[in-house]
Amino acid sequence: MSRFKFHMALIGFSLGLIFWFAASSRTVALAQEPQASPTPPASSGGIFVTVLGDEPFANVRLGPSASIYPVIGQLLPGDTAPAIGRSPGGDWVQIEFAGGINNKGWIYSPLVSLSPGTLHVVEPPPTPLPPPTSTIDPTLAAQFSIVPTSTRLPTFTPPAPLATKAAYSTSPDSEAKDSVPLGLIIFTLGSFGVVGLAVSLLLPRRF
């Protein structure tokens, strides 16, 4: 009986130890769980800008001009940023933006909504210098420049005239007059043949 009580006490102690370890680990896990608490953007006067949803994004530039200053980043609709100042005309707002000069940039004011407050005028940064243009060494360029030389085309030389044919001693007309026509000769021989045949038929035959 005493052995049974000892076993029950040992089992109870083990279960209590397991429950205590589980409860302590859960408490530690809950204590380490971070709690999200939104923090509004901080600025010198508590003023910030929020990008409107009219455009897919808003460009952040190095200065208050779209034609002079380059783009250094973008903000999406709903993004906020602390406002520092405004341009002399009020068309641009200077904000805190990582990547710009002194972590500052400029955004077009119609693309954002401004929280209540007053912004002081900020002078725009100096105009950025244009990128240096690459110049070509004239000495090096002269080595690759090819000046075409004016060469005279060869002149056409006509071929030598052919040798003249030898002149005939007698003209074709005179040769035709001296020679007997071939038709006349054939006619004469045929006549003689006909006469001979007639004579042979008329003469009496001797057997």
N, C-alpha and C. Protein backbone atom coordinates (compact mmCIF):
# COMPACT_ATOMS: atom_id res chain seq x y z
N MET A 1 0.83 -1.20 0.00
CA MET A 1 0.00 0.00 0.00
C MET A 1 0.87 1.25 0.00
N SER A 2 1.91 1.20 0.74
CA SER A 2 2.82 2.35 0.77
C SER A 2 3.50 2.54 -0.58
N ARG A 3 3.77 1.39 -1.29
CA ARG A 3 4.39 1.50 -2.61
C ARG A 3 3.43 2.17 -3.58
N PHE A 4 2.14 1.86 -3.49
CA PHE A 4 1.15 2.47 -4.38
C PHE A 4 1.06 3.98 -4.13
N LYS A 5 1.08 4.39 -2.90
CA LYS A 5 1.05 5.83 -2.60
C LYS A 5 2.30 6.52 -3.12
N PHE A 6 3.42 5.84 -3.05
CA PHE A 6 4.65 6.44 -3.55
C PHE A 6 4.58 6.66 -5.06
N HIS A 7 4.03 5.67 -5.75
CA HIS A 7 3.89 5.81 -7.21
C HIS A 7 2.94 6.93 -7.57
N MET A 8 1.83 7.04 -6.85
CA MET A 8 0.87 8.10 -7.13
C MET A 8 1.47 9.48 -6.86
N ALA A 9 2.25 9.54 -5.80
CA ALA A 9 2.90 10.83 -5.51
C ALA A 9 3.92 11.18 -6.58
N LEU A 10 4.64 10.19 -7.07
CA LEU A 10 5.64 10.43 -8.11
C LEU A 10 4.97 10.87 -9.41
N ILE A 11 3.83 10.24 -9.74
CA ILE A 11 3.11 10.63 -10.96
C ILE A 11 2.55 12.04 -10.83
N GLY A 12 2.00 12.36 -9.66
CA GLY A 12 1.47 13.71 -9.46
C GLY A 12 2.56 14.77 -9.54
N PHE A 13 3.73 14.46 -8.95
CA PHE A 13 4.84 15.40 -9.02
C PHE A 13 5.29 15.62 -10.45
N SER A 14 5.34 14.54 -11.25
CA SER A 14 5.77 14.66 -12.66
C SER A 14 4.78 15.48 -13.46
N LEU A 15 3.47 15.24 -13.24
CA LEU A 15 2.47 16.03 -13.96
C LEU A 15 2.53 17.50 -13.57
N GLY A 16 2.71 17.77 -12.29
CA GLY A 16 2.81 19.16 -11.86
C GLY A 16 4.03 19.85 -12.46
N LEU A 17 5.14 19.11 -12.56
CA LEU A 17 6.34 19.69 -13.16
C LEU A 17 6.13 20.00 -14.64
N ILE A 18 5.42 19.10 -15.34
CA ILE A 18 5.16 19.33 -16.77
C ILE A 18 4.26 20.54 -16.97
N PHE A 19 3.18 20.65 -16.18
CA PHE A 19 2.28 21.80 -16.30
C PHE A 19 2.99 23.12 -15.97
N TRP A 20 3.86 23.08 -14.98
CA TRP A 20 4.58 24.31 -14.61
C TRP A 20 5.53 24.75 -15.72
N PHE A 21 6.20 23.78 -16.37
CA PHE A 21 7.12 24.11 -17.46
C PHE A 21 6.37 24.67 -18.67
N ALA A 22 5.18 24.09 -18.94
CA ALA A 22 4.39 24.59 -20.07
C ALA A 22 3.88 25.99 -19.80
N ALA A 23 3.43 26.25 -18.59
CA ALA A 23 2.91 27.58 -18.26
C ALA A 23 4.01 28.62 -18.30
N SER A 24 5.20 28.29 -17.81
CA SER A 24 6.30 29.26 -17.81
C SER A 24 6.76 29.58 -19.23
N SER A 25 6.84 28.57 -20.12
CA SER A 25 7.25 28.82 -21.51
C SER A 25 6.23 29.66 -22.24
N ARG A 26 4.93 29.49 -21.98
CA ARG A 26 3.90 30.31 -22.61
C ARG A 26 3.97 31.75 -22.15
N THR A 27 4.30 31.93 -20.88
CA THR A 27 4.43 33.31 -20.37
C THR A 27 5.59 34.03 -21.02
N VAL A 28 6.71 33.31 -21.21
CA VAL A 28 7.87 33.93 -21.86
C VAL A 28 7.56 34.27 -23.30
N ALA A 29 6.83 33.38 -24.02
CA ALA A 29 6.49 33.63 -25.41
C ALA A 29 5.57 34.83 -25.55
N LEU A 30 4.59 34.95 -24.63
CA LEU A 30 3.71 36.09 -24.69
C LEU A 30 4.43 37.38 -24.36
N ALA A 31 5.41 37.31 -23.49
CA ALA A 31 6.15 38.53 -23.13
C ALA A 31 7.02 39.00 -24.28
N GLN A 32 7.49 38.05 -25.15
CA GLN A 32 8.36 38.44 -26.25
C GLN A 32 7.59 38.83 -27.48
N GLU A 33 6.27 38.65 -27.52
CA GLU A 33 5.48 38.97 -28.71
C GLU A 33 5.39 40.49 -28.87
N PRO A 34 5.84 41.04 -30.02
CA PRO A 34 5.79 42.50 -30.21
C PRO A 34 4.37 42.97 -30.41
N GLN A 35 4.11 44.15 -29.99
CA GLN A 35 2.80 44.78 -30.15
C GLN A 35 2.94 45.94 -31.11
N ALA A 36 2.12 45.87 -32.18
CA ALA A 36 2.19 46.91 -33.22
C ALA A 36 1.52 48.17 -32.72
N SER A 37 2.23 49.25 -32.84
CA SER A 37 1.67 50.54 -32.44
C SER A 37 2.08 51.55 -33.50
N PRO A 38 1.17 52.01 -34.32
CA PRO A 38 1.52 52.95 -35.39
C PRO A 38 2.05 54.25 -34.81
N THR A 39 3.15 54.68 -35.43
CA THR A 39 3.77 55.94 -34.99
C THR A 39 3.67 56.93 -36.12
N PRO A 40 3.09 58.06 -35.89
CA PRO A 40 2.97 59.05 -36.96
C PRO A 40 4.34 59.60 -37.32
N PRO A 41 4.53 60.01 -38.58
CA PRO A 41 5.82 60.57 -38.99
C PRO A 41 6.13 61.84 -38.22
N ALA A 42 7.38 61.92 -37.83
CA ALA A 42 7.80 63.07 -37.02
C ALA A 42 8.42 64.12 -37.93
N SER A 43 8.11 65.36 -37.68
CA SER A 43 8.73 66.48 -38.38
C SER A 43 8.91 67.61 -37.37
N SER A 44 9.54 68.66 -37.86
CA SER A 44 9.84 69.76 -36.94
C SER A 44 8.56 70.38 -36.40
N GLY A 45 7.52 70.52 -37.26
CA GLY A 45 6.28 71.12 -36.80
C GLY A 45 5.14 70.13 -36.74
N GLY A 46 5.43 68.84 -36.90
CA GLY A 46 4.37 67.84 -36.90
C GLY A 46 3.57 67.82 -38.18
N ILE A 47 4.07 68.42 -39.24
CA ILE A 47 3.36 68.46 -40.52
C ILE A 47 3.92 67.34 -41.41
N PHE A 48 3.03 66.66 -42.11
CA PHE A 48 3.46 65.60 -43.01
C PHE A 48 2.56 65.60 -44.23
N VAL A 49 3.05 64.96 -45.27
CA VAL A 49 2.31 64.85 -46.53
C VAL A 49 1.88 63.40 -46.71
N THR A 50 0.76 63.22 -47.39
CA THR A 50 0.24 61.90 -47.75
C THR A 50 -0.02 61.88 -49.25
N VAL A 51 0.53 60.88 -49.93
CA VAL A 51 0.39 60.79 -51.38
C VAL A 51 -1.04 60.41 -51.72
N LEU A 52 -1.64 61.17 -52.65
CA LEU A 52 -3.01 60.89 -53.07
C LEU A 52 -3.04 59.71 -54.03
N GLY A 53 -4.24 59.19 -54.26
CA GLY A 53 -4.40 58.03 -55.13
C GLY A 53 -4.77 58.37 -56.55
N ASP A 54 -4.61 59.63 -56.96
CA ASP A 54 -4.96 60.00 -58.33
C ASP A 54 -3.96 59.43 -59.34
N GLU A 55 -2.71 59.29 -58.96
CA GLU A 55 -1.67 58.78 -59.84
C GLU A 55 -1.11 57.48 -59.25
N PRO A 56 -0.54 56.61 -60.11
CA PRO A 56 0.03 55.36 -59.58
C PRO A 56 1.22 55.58 -58.66
N PHE A 57 1.92 56.70 -58.81
CA PHE A 57 3.04 57.02 -57.93
C PHE A 57 3.34 58.51 -58.06
N ALA A 58 4.14 59.00 -57.15
CA ALA A 58 4.57 60.40 -57.16
C ALA A 58 6.09 60.43 -57.13
N ASN A 59 6.68 61.16 -58.07
CA ASN A 59 8.14 61.26 -58.13
C ASN A 59 8.66 62.22 -57.06
N VAL A 60 9.77 61.85 -56.48
CA VAL A 60 10.49 62.72 -55.54
C VAL A 60 11.74 63.18 -56.27
N ARG A 61 11.90 64.48 -56.36
CA ARG A 61 13.00 65.05 -57.13
C ARG A 61 14.00 65.73 -56.22
N LEU A 62 15.15 66.03 -56.85
CA LEU A 62 16.22 66.67 -56.09
C LEU A 62 15.90 68.13 -55.78
N GLY A 63 15.05 68.75 -56.58
CA GLY A 63 14.69 70.14 -56.37
C GLY A 63 13.29 70.40 -56.88
N PRO A 64 12.76 71.60 -56.69
CA PRO A 64 11.39 71.92 -57.05
C PRO A 64 11.21 72.27 -58.53
N SER A 65 11.51 71.34 -59.41
CA SER A 65 11.32 71.55 -60.84
C SER A 65 11.41 70.20 -61.53
N ALA A 66 10.44 69.95 -62.43
CA ALA A 66 10.44 68.68 -63.15
C ALA A 66 11.33 68.70 -64.38
N SER A 67 11.73 69.90 -64.81
CA SER A 67 12.56 70.01 -66.01
C SER A 67 14.03 70.21 -65.70
N ILE A 68 14.37 70.53 -64.45
CA ILE A 68 15.76 70.82 -64.11
C ILE A 68 16.36 69.74 -63.22
N TYR A 69 15.60 69.32 -62.22
CA TYR A 69 16.15 68.40 -61.20
C TYR A 69 15.76 66.96 -61.52
N PRO A 70 16.66 66.02 -61.31
CA PRO A 70 16.37 64.61 -61.62
C PRO A 70 15.52 63.95 -60.54
N VAL A 71 14.95 62.80 -60.89
CA VAL A 71 14.15 62.00 -59.95
C VAL A 71 15.08 61.18 -59.07
N ILE A 72 14.86 61.22 -57.76
CA ILE A 72 15.70 60.46 -56.83
C ILE A 72 14.92 59.33 -56.16
N GLY A 73 13.60 59.25 -56.41
CA GLY A 73 12.81 58.18 -55.81
C GLY A 73 11.33 58.38 -56.11
N GLN A 74 10.52 57.49 -55.55
CA GLN A 74 9.07 57.54 -55.77
C GLN A 74 8.35 57.17 -54.48
N LEU A 75 7.13 57.71 -54.34
CA LEU A 75 6.24 57.36 -53.24
C LEU A 75 4.93 56.85 -53.83
N LEU A 76 4.39 55.80 -53.22
CA LEU A 76 3.14 55.21 -53.68
C LEU A 76 1.95 55.87 -53.00
N PRO A 77 0.75 55.71 -53.57
CA PRO A 77 -0.44 56.30 -52.93
C PRO A 77 -0.62 55.78 -51.50
N GLY A 78 -0.85 56.70 -50.58
CA GLY A 78 -1.00 56.36 -49.17
C GLY A 78 0.27 56.51 -48.36
N ASP A 79 1.42 56.62 -49.02
CA ASP A 79 2.68 56.82 -48.28
C ASP A 79 2.71 58.21 -47.67
N THR A 80 3.35 58.31 -46.52
CA THR A 80 3.49 59.59 -45.82
C THR A 80 4.96 59.91 -45.63
N ALA A 81 5.23 61.19 -45.48
CA ALA A 81 6.60 61.64 -45.25
C ALA A 81 6.54 62.97 -44.51
N PRO A 82 7.49 63.23 -43.60
CA PRO A 82 7.52 64.51 -42.89
C PRO A 82 7.78 65.67 -43.85
N ALA A 83 7.03 66.73 -43.70
CA ALA A 83 7.19 67.93 -44.52
C ALA A 83 8.12 68.91 -43.80
N ILE A 84 9.05 69.47 -44.60
CA ILE A 84 10.05 70.38 -44.02
C ILE A 84 9.77 71.82 -44.43
N GLY A 85 9.42 72.05 -45.68
CA GLY A 85 9.21 73.40 -46.16
C GLY A 85 8.52 73.36 -47.51
N ARG A 86 8.41 74.54 -48.13
CA ARG A 86 7.77 74.65 -49.43
C ARG A 86 8.59 75.56 -50.31
N SER A 87 8.34 75.47 -51.62
CA SER A 87 9.04 76.33 -52.57
C SER A 87 8.49 77.74 -52.51
N PRO A 88 9.20 78.73 -53.09
CA PRO A 88 8.68 80.11 -53.03
C PRO A 88 7.30 80.26 -53.64
N GLY A 89 6.98 79.50 -54.66
CA GLY A 89 5.65 79.60 -55.26
C GLY A 89 4.63 78.70 -54.62
N GLY A 90 5.05 77.78 -53.75
CA GLY A 90 4.14 76.87 -53.09
C GLY A 90 3.74 75.65 -53.91
N ASP A 91 4.34 75.48 -55.10
CA ASP A 91 3.97 74.35 -55.95
C ASP A 91 4.65 73.06 -55.52
N TRP A 92 5.72 73.15 -54.76
CA TRP A 92 6.49 71.97 -54.34
C TRP A 92 6.66 71.99 -52.82
N VAL A 93 6.74 70.78 -52.27
CA VAL A 93 6.92 70.63 -50.83
C VAL A 93 8.21 69.85 -50.60
N GLN A 94 9.03 70.35 -49.71
CA GLN A 94 10.25 69.64 -49.34
C GLN A 94 9.94 68.65 -48.22
N ILE A 95 10.38 67.41 -48.41
CA ILE A 95 10.10 66.34 -47.45
C ILE A 95 11.39 65.66 -47.05
N GLU A 96 11.30 64.91 -45.98
CA GLU A 96 12.42 64.06 -45.59
C GLU A 96 12.37 62.78 -46.44
N PHE A 97 13.48 62.54 -47.16
CA PHE A 97 13.51 61.39 -48.07
C PHE A 97 14.94 60.88 -48.15
N ALA A 98 15.11 59.61 -47.80
CA ALA A 98 16.45 59.01 -47.87
C ALA A 98 16.87 58.87 -49.33
N GLY A 99 18.07 59.28 -49.61
CA GLY A 99 18.59 59.22 -50.98
C GLY A 99 18.84 60.58 -51.57
N GLY A 100 18.23 61.62 -51.03
CA GLY A 100 18.49 62.96 -51.52
C GLY A 100 19.64 63.62 -50.79
N ILE A 101 19.92 64.84 -51.16
CA ILE A 101 20.98 65.60 -50.48
C ILE A 101 20.51 65.92 -49.06
N ASN A 102 21.31 65.51 -48.09
CA ASN A 102 20.96 65.66 -46.67
C ASN A 102 19.62 64.98 -46.35
N ASN A 103 19.35 63.87 -47.07
CA ASN A 103 18.11 63.09 -46.86
C ASN A 103 16.87 63.95 -47.03
N LYS A 104 16.87 64.77 -48.07
CA LYS A 104 15.73 65.63 -48.35
C LYS A 104 15.40 65.53 -49.84
N GLY A 105 14.12 65.73 -50.13
CA GLY A 105 13.66 65.72 -51.51
C GLY A 105 12.45 66.63 -51.67
N TRP A 106 12.01 66.77 -52.91
CA TRP A 106 10.90 67.65 -53.23
C TRP A 106 9.83 66.86 -53.97
N ILE A 107 8.57 67.11 -53.63
CA ILE A 107 7.44 66.43 -54.25
C ILE A 107 6.42 67.49 -54.69
N TYR A 108 5.76 67.21 -55.82
CA TYR A 108 4.80 68.16 -56.39
C TYR A 108 3.56 68.22 -55.49
N SER A 109 3.18 69.43 -55.08
CA SER A 109 2.13 69.59 -54.07
C SER A 109 0.75 69.12 -54.53
N PRO A 110 0.35 69.22 -55.83
CA PRO A 110 -0.98 68.70 -56.20
C PRO A 110 -1.11 67.19 -56.05
N LEU A 111 0.01 66.48 -55.90
CA LEU A 111 -0.05 65.03 -55.78
C LEU A 111 -0.16 64.54 -54.34
N VAL A 112 -0.13 65.46 -53.37
CA VAL A 112 -0.15 65.06 -51.97
C VAL A 112 -1.16 65.92 -51.22
N SER A 113 -1.56 65.41 -50.07
CA SER A 113 -2.38 66.20 -49.14
C SER A 113 -1.51 66.58 -47.95
N LEU A 114 -1.64 67.79 -47.50
CA LEU A 114 -0.80 68.33 -46.44
C LEU A 114 -1.60 68.42 -45.15
N SER A 115 -1.00 67.95 -44.07
CA SER A 115 -1.67 68.05 -42.76
C SER A 115 -1.69 69.51 -42.31
N PRO A 116 -2.57 69.86 -41.39
CA PRO A 116 -2.66 71.26 -40.97
C PRO A 116 -1.34 71.76 -40.39
N GLY A 117 -1.01 72.98 -40.74
CA GLY A 117 0.22 73.60 -40.26
C GLY A 117 0.75 74.58 -41.28
N THR A 118 1.78 75.26 -40.90
CA THR A 118 2.39 76.26 -41.77
C THR A 118 3.83 75.86 -42.05
N LEU A 119 4.17 75.86 -43.35
CA LEU A 119 5.53 75.53 -43.77
C LEU A 119 6.26 76.80 -44.17
N HIS A 120 7.50 76.92 -43.78
CA HIS A 120 8.28 78.08 -44.17
C HIS A 120 8.89 77.85 -45.55
N VAL A 121 9.20 78.93 -46.22
CA VAL A 121 9.74 78.87 -47.58
C VAL A 121 11.20 78.41 -47.51
N VAL A 122 11.54 77.46 -48.39
CA VAL A 122 12.89 76.92 -48.47
C VAL A 122 13.44 77.21 -49.86
N GLU A 123 14.63 77.76 -49.90
CA GLU A 123 15.26 78.04 -51.19
C GLU A 123 15.65 76.73 -51.87
N PRO A 124 15.44 76.64 -53.17
CA PRO A 124 15.78 75.39 -53.88
C PRO A 124 17.28 75.16 -53.89
N PRO A 125 17.69 73.92 -53.99
CA PRO A 125 19.12 73.62 -54.04
C PRO A 125 19.71 74.11 -55.36
N PRO A 126 21.03 74.19 -55.43
CA PRO A 126 21.64 74.64 -56.68
C PRO A 126 21.33 73.70 -57.83
N THR A 127 21.28 74.28 -59.01
CA THR A 127 20.99 73.48 -60.21
C THR A 127 22.10 72.48 -60.44
N PRO A 128 21.75 71.21 -60.64
CA PRO A 128 22.81 70.22 -60.87
C PRO A 128 23.55 70.47 -62.17
N LEU A 129 24.84 70.21 -62.14
CA LEU A 129 25.66 70.41 -63.33
C LEU A 129 25.35 69.32 -64.35
N PRO A 130 25.36 69.67 -65.63
CA PRO A 130 25.13 68.63 -66.65
C PRO A 130 26.29 67.65 -66.66
N PRO A 131 26.03 66.42 -67.06
CA PRO A 131 27.13 65.43 -67.12
C PRO A 131 28.19 65.84 -68.11
N PRO A 132 29.45 65.58 -67.79
CA PRO A 132 30.53 65.97 -68.71
C PRO A 132 30.42 65.23 -70.03
N THR A 133 30.64 65.99 -71.09
CA THR A 133 30.61 65.39 -72.43
C THR A 133 31.98 64.83 -72.77
N SER A 134 31.98 63.71 -73.38
CA SER A 134 33.24 63.06 -73.76
C SER A 134 33.83 63.75 -74.97
N THR A 135 35.08 64.18 -74.84
CA THR A 135 35.79 64.82 -75.93
C THR A 135 36.79 63.85 -76.54
N ILE A 136 37.01 63.98 -77.83
CA ILE A 136 37.91 63.09 -78.56
C ILE A 136 39.22 63.81 -78.79
N ASP A 137 40.30 63.10 -78.50
CA ASP A 137 41.63 63.66 -78.73
C ASP A 137 41.82 63.87 -80.23
N PRO A 138 42.10 65.12 -80.66
CA PRO A 138 42.25 65.35 -82.11
C PRO A 138 43.41 64.56 -82.71
N THR A 139 44.48 64.37 -81.92
CA THR A 139 45.62 63.60 -82.45
C THR A 139 45.22 62.16 -82.70
N LEU A 140 44.45 61.58 -81.77
CA LEU A 140 44.00 60.20 -81.95
C LEU A 140 42.99 60.10 -83.08
N ALA A 141 42.13 61.11 -83.19
CA ALA A 141 41.13 61.07 -84.26
C ALA A 141 41.77 61.21 -85.62
N ALA A 142 42.89 61.98 -85.69
CA ALA A 142 43.55 62.15 -86.98
C ALA A 142 44.14 60.85 -87.50
N GLN A 143 44.49 59.94 -86.58
CA GLN A 143 45.07 58.67 -87.01
C GLN A 143 44.04 57.78 -87.70
N PHE A 144 42.76 57.98 -87.37
CA PHE A 144 41.72 57.13 -87.95
C PHE A 144 40.96 57.85 -89.06
N SER A 145 41.28 59.11 -89.33
CA SER A 145 40.58 59.82 -90.39
C SER A 145 41.23 59.48 -91.72
N ILE A 146 40.45 59.08 -92.65
CA ILE A 146 40.92 58.69 -93.98
C ILE A 146 40.40 59.72 -94.96
N VAL A 147 41.34 60.44 -95.61
CA VAL A 147 40.98 61.45 -96.58
C VAL A 147 41.07 60.83 -97.96
N PRO A 148 40.01 60.79 -98.70
CA PRO A 148 40.08 60.17 -100.03
C PRO A 148 40.93 61.01 -100.97
N THR A 149 41.84 60.38 -101.68
CA THR A 149 42.70 61.06 -102.65
C THR A 149 42.02 61.06 -104.00
N SER A 150 42.11 62.21 -104.67
CA SER A 150 41.47 62.34 -105.98
C SER A 150 42.37 61.71 -107.04
N THR A 151 42.02 60.57 -107.52
CA THR A 151 42.78 59.87 -108.57
C THR A 151 42.02 59.99 -109.88
N ARG A 152 42.77 60.25 -110.94
CA ARG A 152 42.17 60.42 -112.25
C ARG A 152 41.85 59.06 -112.84
N LEU A 153 40.64 58.93 -113.33
CA LEU A 153 40.25 57.67 -113.93
C LEU A 153 40.97 57.48 -115.26
N PRO A 154 41.29 56.25 -115.61
CA PRO A 154 41.98 56.01 -116.89
C PRO A 154 41.08 56.39 -118.06
N THR A 155 41.71 57.06 -119.06
CA THR A 155 40.96 57.49 -120.25
C THR A 155 40.78 56.32 -121.20
N PHE A 156 39.72 56.37 -121.95
CA PHE A 156 39.40 55.31 -122.90
C PHE A 156 40.21 55.52 -124.18
N THR A 157 40.93 54.49 -124.59
CA THR A 157 41.72 54.53 -125.83
C THR A 157 41.01 53.69 -126.87
N PRO A 158 40.61 54.26 -127.98
CA PRO A 158 39.92 53.46 -129.01
C PRO A 158 40.86 52.45 -129.62
N PRO A 159 40.36 51.29 -130.04
CA PRO A 159 41.24 50.29 -130.65
C PRO A 159 41.76 50.75 -132.02
N ALA A 160 42.85 50.13 -132.45
CA ALA A 160 43.46 50.48 -133.75
C ALA A 160 42.53 50.05 -134.88
N PRO A 161 42.46 50.83 -135.94
CA PRO A 161 41.58 50.47 -137.07
C PRO A 161 42.04 49.16 -137.73
N LEU A 162 41.07 48.38 -138.20
CA LEU A 162 41.37 47.11 -138.86
C LEU A 162 42.01 47.35 -140.23
N ALA A 163 42.78 46.36 -140.67
CA ALA A 163 43.44 46.47 -142.00
C ALA A 163 42.40 46.45 -143.10
N THR A 164 42.58 47.31 -144.10
CA THR A 164 41.62 47.40 -145.20
C THR A 164 41.74 46.18 -146.10
N LYS A 165 40.62 45.77 -146.63
CA LYS A 165 40.60 44.62 -147.52
C LYS A 165 41.29 44.95 -148.85
N ALA A 166 41.86 43.91 -149.44
CA ALA A 166 42.54 44.10 -150.75
C ALA A 166 41.51 44.40 -151.83
N ALA A 167 41.83 45.36 -152.64
CA ALA A 167 40.91 45.77 -153.72
C ALA A 167 40.96 44.75 -154.85
N TYR A 168 39.81 44.48 -155.43
CA TYR A 168 39.74 43.57 -156.57
C TYR A 168 40.27 44.27 -157.82
N SER A 169 40.95 43.48 -158.60
CA SER A 169 41.50 44.05 -159.85
C SER A 169 40.40 44.32 -160.85
N THR A 170 39.37 43.49 -160.84
CA THR A 170 38.25 43.68 -161.76
C THR A 170 36.99 43.84 -160.97
N SER A 171 36.14 44.64 -161.38
CA SER A 171 34.88 44.88 -160.70
C SER A 171 33.94 43.72 -160.94
N PRO A 172 32.99 43.49 -160.05
CA PRO A 172 32.04 42.39 -160.23
C PRO A 172 31.24 42.51 -161.51
N ASP A 173 31.01 43.74 -162.00
CA ASP A 173 30.22 43.91 -163.21
C ASP A 173 30.96 43.42 -164.43
N SER A 174 32.26 43.78 -164.46
CA SER A 174 33.05 43.35 -165.62
C SER A 174 33.24 41.85 -165.62
N GLU A 175 33.39 41.23 -164.44
CA GLU A 175 33.56 39.79 -164.36
C GLU A 175 32.28 39.08 -164.80
N ALA A 176 31.12 39.65 -164.44
CA ALA A 176 29.85 39.05 -164.85
C ALA A 176 29.66 39.11 -166.36
N LYS A 177 30.18 40.19 -167.01
CA LYS A 177 30.04 40.33 -168.46
C LYS A 177 30.91 39.32 -169.20
N ASP A 178 32.12 39.03 -168.72
CA ASP A 178 33.04 38.12 -169.41
C ASP A 178 32.64 36.68 -169.24
N SER A 179 32.05 36.28 -168.17
CA SER A 179 31.71 34.89 -167.92
C SER A 179 30.37 34.55 -168.55
N VAL A 180 30.22 33.29 -169.09
CA VAL A 180 28.99 32.80 -169.72
C VAL A 180 28.05 32.34 -168.62
N PRO A 181 26.78 32.71 -168.72
CA PRO A 181 25.86 32.28 -167.69
C PRO A 181 25.71 30.76 -167.69
N LEU A 182 25.55 30.19 -166.54
CA LEU A 182 25.43 28.75 -166.38
C LEU A 182 24.14 28.22 -167.01
N GLY A 183 23.08 28.99 -167.02
CA GLY A 183 21.82 28.56 -167.62
C GLY A 183 21.93 28.39 -169.13
N LEU A 184 22.74 29.31 -169.71
CA LEU A 184 22.92 29.20 -171.17
C LEU A 184 23.66 27.93 -171.56
N ILE A 185 24.61 27.57 -170.76
CA ILE A 185 25.38 26.36 -171.05
C ILE A 185 24.47 25.14 -170.93
N ILE A 186 23.66 25.09 -169.91
CA ILE A 186 22.77 23.94 -169.72
C ILE A 186 21.76 23.87 -170.86
N PHE A 187 21.24 25.03 -171.29
CA PHE A 187 20.28 25.04 -172.39
C PHE A 187 20.91 24.55 -173.69
N THR A 188 22.14 24.96 -173.97
CA THR A 188 22.82 24.54 -175.20
C THR A 188 23.06 23.04 -175.22
N LEU A 189 23.54 22.49 -174.10
CA LEU A 189 23.78 21.04 -174.03
C LEU A 189 22.48 20.27 -174.14
N GLY A 190 21.41 20.78 -173.59
CA GLY A 190 20.12 20.10 -173.73
C GLY A 190 19.63 20.11 -175.17
N SER A 191 19.89 21.22 -175.87
CA SER A 191 19.48 21.32 -177.28
C SER A 191 20.21 20.29 -178.12
N PHE A 192 21.53 20.20 -177.87
CA PHE A 192 22.31 19.20 -178.61
C PHE A 192 21.80 17.79 -178.32
N GLY A 193 21.44 17.54 -177.12
CA GLY A 193 20.93 16.20 -176.80
C GLY A 193 19.64 15.90 -177.49
N VAL A 194 18.74 16.88 -177.58
CA VAL A 194 17.45 16.69 -178.25
C VAL A 194 17.66 16.45 -179.75
N VAL A 195 18.56 17.25 -180.35
CA VAL A 195 18.85 17.09 -181.80
C VAL A 195 19.43 15.72 -182.08
N GLY A 196 20.35 15.29 -181.26
CA GLY A 196 20.96 13.97 -181.46
C GLY A 196 19.94 12.85 -181.35
N LEU A 197 19.01 13.00 -180.41
CA LEU A 197 17.99 11.98 -180.24
C LEU A 197 17.07 11.93 -181.45
N ALA A 198 16.73 13.10 -182.02
CA ALA A 198 15.86 13.14 -183.20
C ALA A 198 16.54 12.51 -184.41
N VAL A 199 17.81 12.80 -184.56
CA VAL A 199 18.55 12.25 -185.70
C VAL A 199 18.63 10.73 -185.60
N SER A 200 18.85 10.24 -184.43
CA SER A 200 18.95 8.80 -184.26
C SER A 200 17.63 8.09 -184.50
N LEU A 201 16.55 8.75 -184.29
CA LEU A 201 15.25 8.16 -184.55
C LEU A 201 14.90 8.20 -186.03
N LEU A 202 15.30 9.22 -186.74
CA LEU A 202 14.97 9.38 -188.15
C LEU A 202 15.81 8.50 -189.04
N LEU A 203 17.03 8.29 -188.71
CA LEU A 203 17.89 7.48 -189.56
C LEU A 203 17.43 6.03 -189.54
N PRO A 204 17.50 5.36 -190.71
CA PRO A 204 17.07 3.97 -190.74
C PRO A 204 18.05 3.10 -189.97
N ARG A 205 17.53 2.13 -189.37
CA ARG A 205 18.36 1.26 -188.53
C ARG A 205 18.77 0.04 -189.36
N ARG A 206 19.92 -0.35 -189.13
CA ARG A 206 20.45 -1.53 -189.78
C ARG A 206 20.70 -2.62 -188.78
N PHE A 207 20.16 -3.78 -189.19
CA PHE A 207 20.28 -4.90 -188.27
C PHE A 207 21.22 -5.93 -188.86
